[in-house]
Amino acid sequence: MQCHLSSDHHQKNIRLFLENPDKYIEEYSSDFEQNFLDLYKRKYYGARMLANKVYQDYIANPDHTHLNATKWTKLVDFVQVTDQRFRN
């Protein structure tokens, strides 16, 4: 059985990413933000909730966009940027 990292599909995706990393990071960041906030609005809207709790629910979905594929290196970075955007 072939390891996922050495599969043809994964290798093709790596080549595509290396051709234009900014495009993919922006796309993954947008997907992460939209899906994270959609989950928050759908499940927790109106309630104060720790971002880590929402994140644990978010990553329970096997089709989630990984945080490490985005422009944010930590969940707290994402929360701070998002909070600033909604306060302005």
C-alpha atoms as a PDB file:
ATOM      1  CA  MET A   1       0.000   0.000   0.000  1.00  0.00           C
ATOM      2  CA  GLN A   2       1.310   3.419  -0.945  1.00  0.00           C
ATOM      3  CA  CYS A   3       1.746   6.134   1.664  1.00  0.00           C
ATOM      4  CA  HIS A   4      -0.514   9.163   1.148  1.00  0.00           C
ATOM      5  CA  LEU A   5       2.449  11.559   1.075  1.00  0.00           C
ATOM      6  CA  SER A   6       4.080   9.710  -1.797  1.00  0.00           C
ATOM      7  CA  SER A   7       0.868   9.134  -3.766  1.00  0.00           C
ATOM      8  CA  ASP A   8       0.617  10.611  -7.251  1.00  0.00           C
ATOM      9  CA  HIS A   9      -2.354  12.733  -6.193  1.00  0.00           C
ATOM     10  CA  HIS A  10      -0.492  14.262  -3.260  1.00  0.00           C
ATOM     11  CA  GLN A  11       2.644  14.864  -5.310  1.00  0.00           C
ATOM     12  CA  LYS A  12       0.570  16.610  -8.006  1.00  0.00           C
ATOM     13  CA  ASN A  13      -1.031  18.842  -5.363  1.00  0.00           C
ATOM     14  CA  ILE A  14       2.379  19.752  -3.981  1.00  0.00           C
ATOM     15  CA  ARG A  15       3.607  20.733  -7.453  1.00  0.00           C
ATOM     16  CA  LEU A  16       0.516  22.887  -8.027  1.00  0.00           C
ATOM     17  CA  PHE A  17       0.942  24.541  -4.637  1.00  0.00           C
ATOM     18  CA  LEU A  18       4.610  25.322  -5.295  1.00  0.00           C
ATOM     19  CA  GLU A  19       3.705  27.039  -8.566  1.00  0.00           C
ATOM     20  CA  ASN A  20       1.513  29.588  -6.779  1.00  0.00           C
ATOM     21  CA  PRO A  21       1.556  29.209  -2.970  1.00  0.00           C
ATOM     22  CA  ASP A  22      -0.116  32.572  -2.252  1.00  0.00           C
ATOM     23  CA  LYS A  23      -3.165  31.583  -4.286  1.00  0.00           C
ATOM     24  CA  TYR A  24      -3.636  28.353  -2.345  1.00  0.00           C
ATOM     25  CA  ILE A  25      -2.966  29.877   1.076  1.00  0.00           C
ATOM     26  CA  GLU A  26      -5.561  32.591   0.382  1.00  0.00           C
ATOM     27  CA  GLU A  27      -8.049  30.004  -0.851  1.00  0.00           C
ATOM     28  CA  TYR A  28      -7.526  27.734   2.164  1.00  0.00           C
ATOM     29  CA  SER A  29      -7.691  30.726   4.518  1.00  0.00           C
ATOM     30  CA  SER A  30     -10.976  31.843   3.003  1.00  0.00           C
ATOM     31  CA  ASP A  31     -12.415  28.314   3.217  1.00  0.00           C
ATOM     32  CA  PHE A  32     -11.293  27.942   6.829  1.00  0.00           C
ATOM     33  CA  GLU A  33     -12.747  31.295   7.856  1.00  0.00           C
ATOM     34  CA  GLN A  34     -16.064  30.745   6.106  1.00  0.00           C
ATOM     35  CA  ASN A  35     -16.558  27.215   7.421  1.00  0.00           C
ATOM     36  CA  PHE A  36     -15.421  28.041  10.961  1.00  0.00           C
ATOM     37  CA  LEU A  37     -17.734  31.051  11.186  1.00  0.00           C
ATOM     38  CA  ASP A  38     -20.624  29.146   9.592  1.00  0.00           C
ATOM     39  CA  LEU A  39     -20.243  26.445  12.242  1.00  0.00           C
ATOM     40  CA  TYR A  40     -20.117  29.053  14.998  1.00  0.00           C
ATOM     41  CA  LYS A  41     -23.244  30.823  13.717  1.00  0.00           C
ATOM     42  CA  ARG A  42     -25.128  27.584  13.195  1.00  0.00           C
ATOM     43  CA  LYS A  43     -24.261  25.887  16.480  1.00  0.00           C
ATOM     44  CA  TYR A  44     -23.305  28.609  18.963  1.00  0.00           C
ATOM     45  CA  TYR A  45     -24.802  31.876  17.739  1.00  0.00           C
ATOM     46  CA  GLY A  46     -25.605  34.201  20.609  1.00  0.00           C
ATOM     47  CA  ALA A  47     -23.543  32.229  23.119  1.00  0.00           C
ATOM     48  CA  ARG A  48     -20.086  33.066  24.391  1.00  0.00           C
ATOM     49  CA  MET A  49     -17.949  30.129  23.452  1.00  0.00           C
ATOM     50  CA  LEU A  50     -14.234  29.432  23.619  1.00  0.00           C
ATOM     51  CA  ALA A  51     -12.721  29.389  20.146  1.00  0.00           C
ATOM     52  CA  ASN A  52     -10.974  26.111  20.959  1.00  0.00           C
ATOM     53  CA  LYS A  53     -14.343  24.419  21.601  1.00  0.00           C
ATOM     54  CA  VAL A  54     -15.642  25.599  18.226  1.00  0.00           C
ATOM     55  CA  TYR A  55     -12.369  24.468  16.640  1.00  0.00           C
ATOM     56  CA  GLN A  56     -12.699  20.982  18.155  1.00  0.00           C
ATOM     57  CA  ASP A  57     -16.163  20.714  16.604  1.00  0.00           C
ATOM     58  CA  TYR A  58     -14.815  22.099  13.331  1.00  0.00           C
ATOM     59  CA  ILE A  59     -11.995  19.546  13.025  1.00  0.00           C
ATOM     60  CA  ALA A  60     -14.403  16.705  13.809  1.00  0.00           C
ATOM     61  CA  ASN A  61     -15.582  17.109  10.208  1.00  0.00           C
ATOM     62  CA  PRO A  62     -13.235  14.936   8.128  1.00  0.00           C
ATOM     63  CA  ASP A  63     -13.492  17.388   5.213  1.00  0.00           C
ATOM     64  CA  HIS A  64     -12.303  20.422   7.179  1.00  0.00           C
ATOM     65  CA  THR A  65      -9.596  22.767   5.923  1.00  0.00           C
ATOM     66  CA  HIS A  66      -6.546  22.394   8.121  1.00  0.00           C
ATOM     67  CA  LEU A  67      -5.469  25.487  10.037  1.00  0.00           C
ATOM     68  CA  ASN A  68      -1.842  24.847   9.065  1.00  0.00           C
ATOM     69  CA  ALA A  69      -2.841  25.302   5.393  1.00  0.00           C
ATOM     70  CA  THR A  70      -3.941  28.888   6.086  1.00  0.00           C
ATOM     71  CA  LYS A  71      -2.183  32.190   6.664  1.00  0.00           C
ATOM     72  CA  TRP A  72      -2.753  31.808  10.418  1.00  0.00           C
ATOM     73  CA  THR A  73      -0.174  29.822  12.335  1.00  0.00           C
ATOM     74  CA  LYS A  74      -2.267  29.569  15.498  1.00  0.00           C
ATOM     75  CA  LEU A  75      -5.966  29.623  16.291  1.00  0.00           C
ATOM     76  CA  VAL A  76      -5.435  32.725  18.432  1.00  0.00           C
ATOM     77  CA  ASP A  77      -4.072  34.564  15.366  1.00  0.00           C
ATOM     78  CA  PHE A  78      -7.227  33.726  13.432  1.00  0.00           C
ATOM     79  CA  VAL A  79      -9.448  34.813  16.324  1.00  0.00           C
ATOM     80  CA  GLN A  80      -7.630  38.137  16.767  1.00  0.00           C
ATOM     81  CA  VAL A  81      -7.789  39.022  13.064  1.00  0.00           C
ATOM     82  CA  THR A  82     -11.435  38.006  12.804  1.00  0.00           C
ATOM     83  CA  ASP A  83     -12.350  39.901  15.968  1.00  0.00           C
ATOM     84  CA  GLN A  84     -10.622  43.055  14.685  1.00  0.00           C
ATOM     85  CA  ARG A  85     -12.446  42.829  11.355  1.00  0.00           C
ATOM     86  CA  PHE A  86     -15.868  42.551  12.989  1.00  0.00           C
ATOM     87  CA  ARG A  87     -15.182  45.361  15.478  1.00  0.00           C
ATOM     88  CA  ASN A  88     -14.289  47.868  12.740  1.00  0.00           C
END
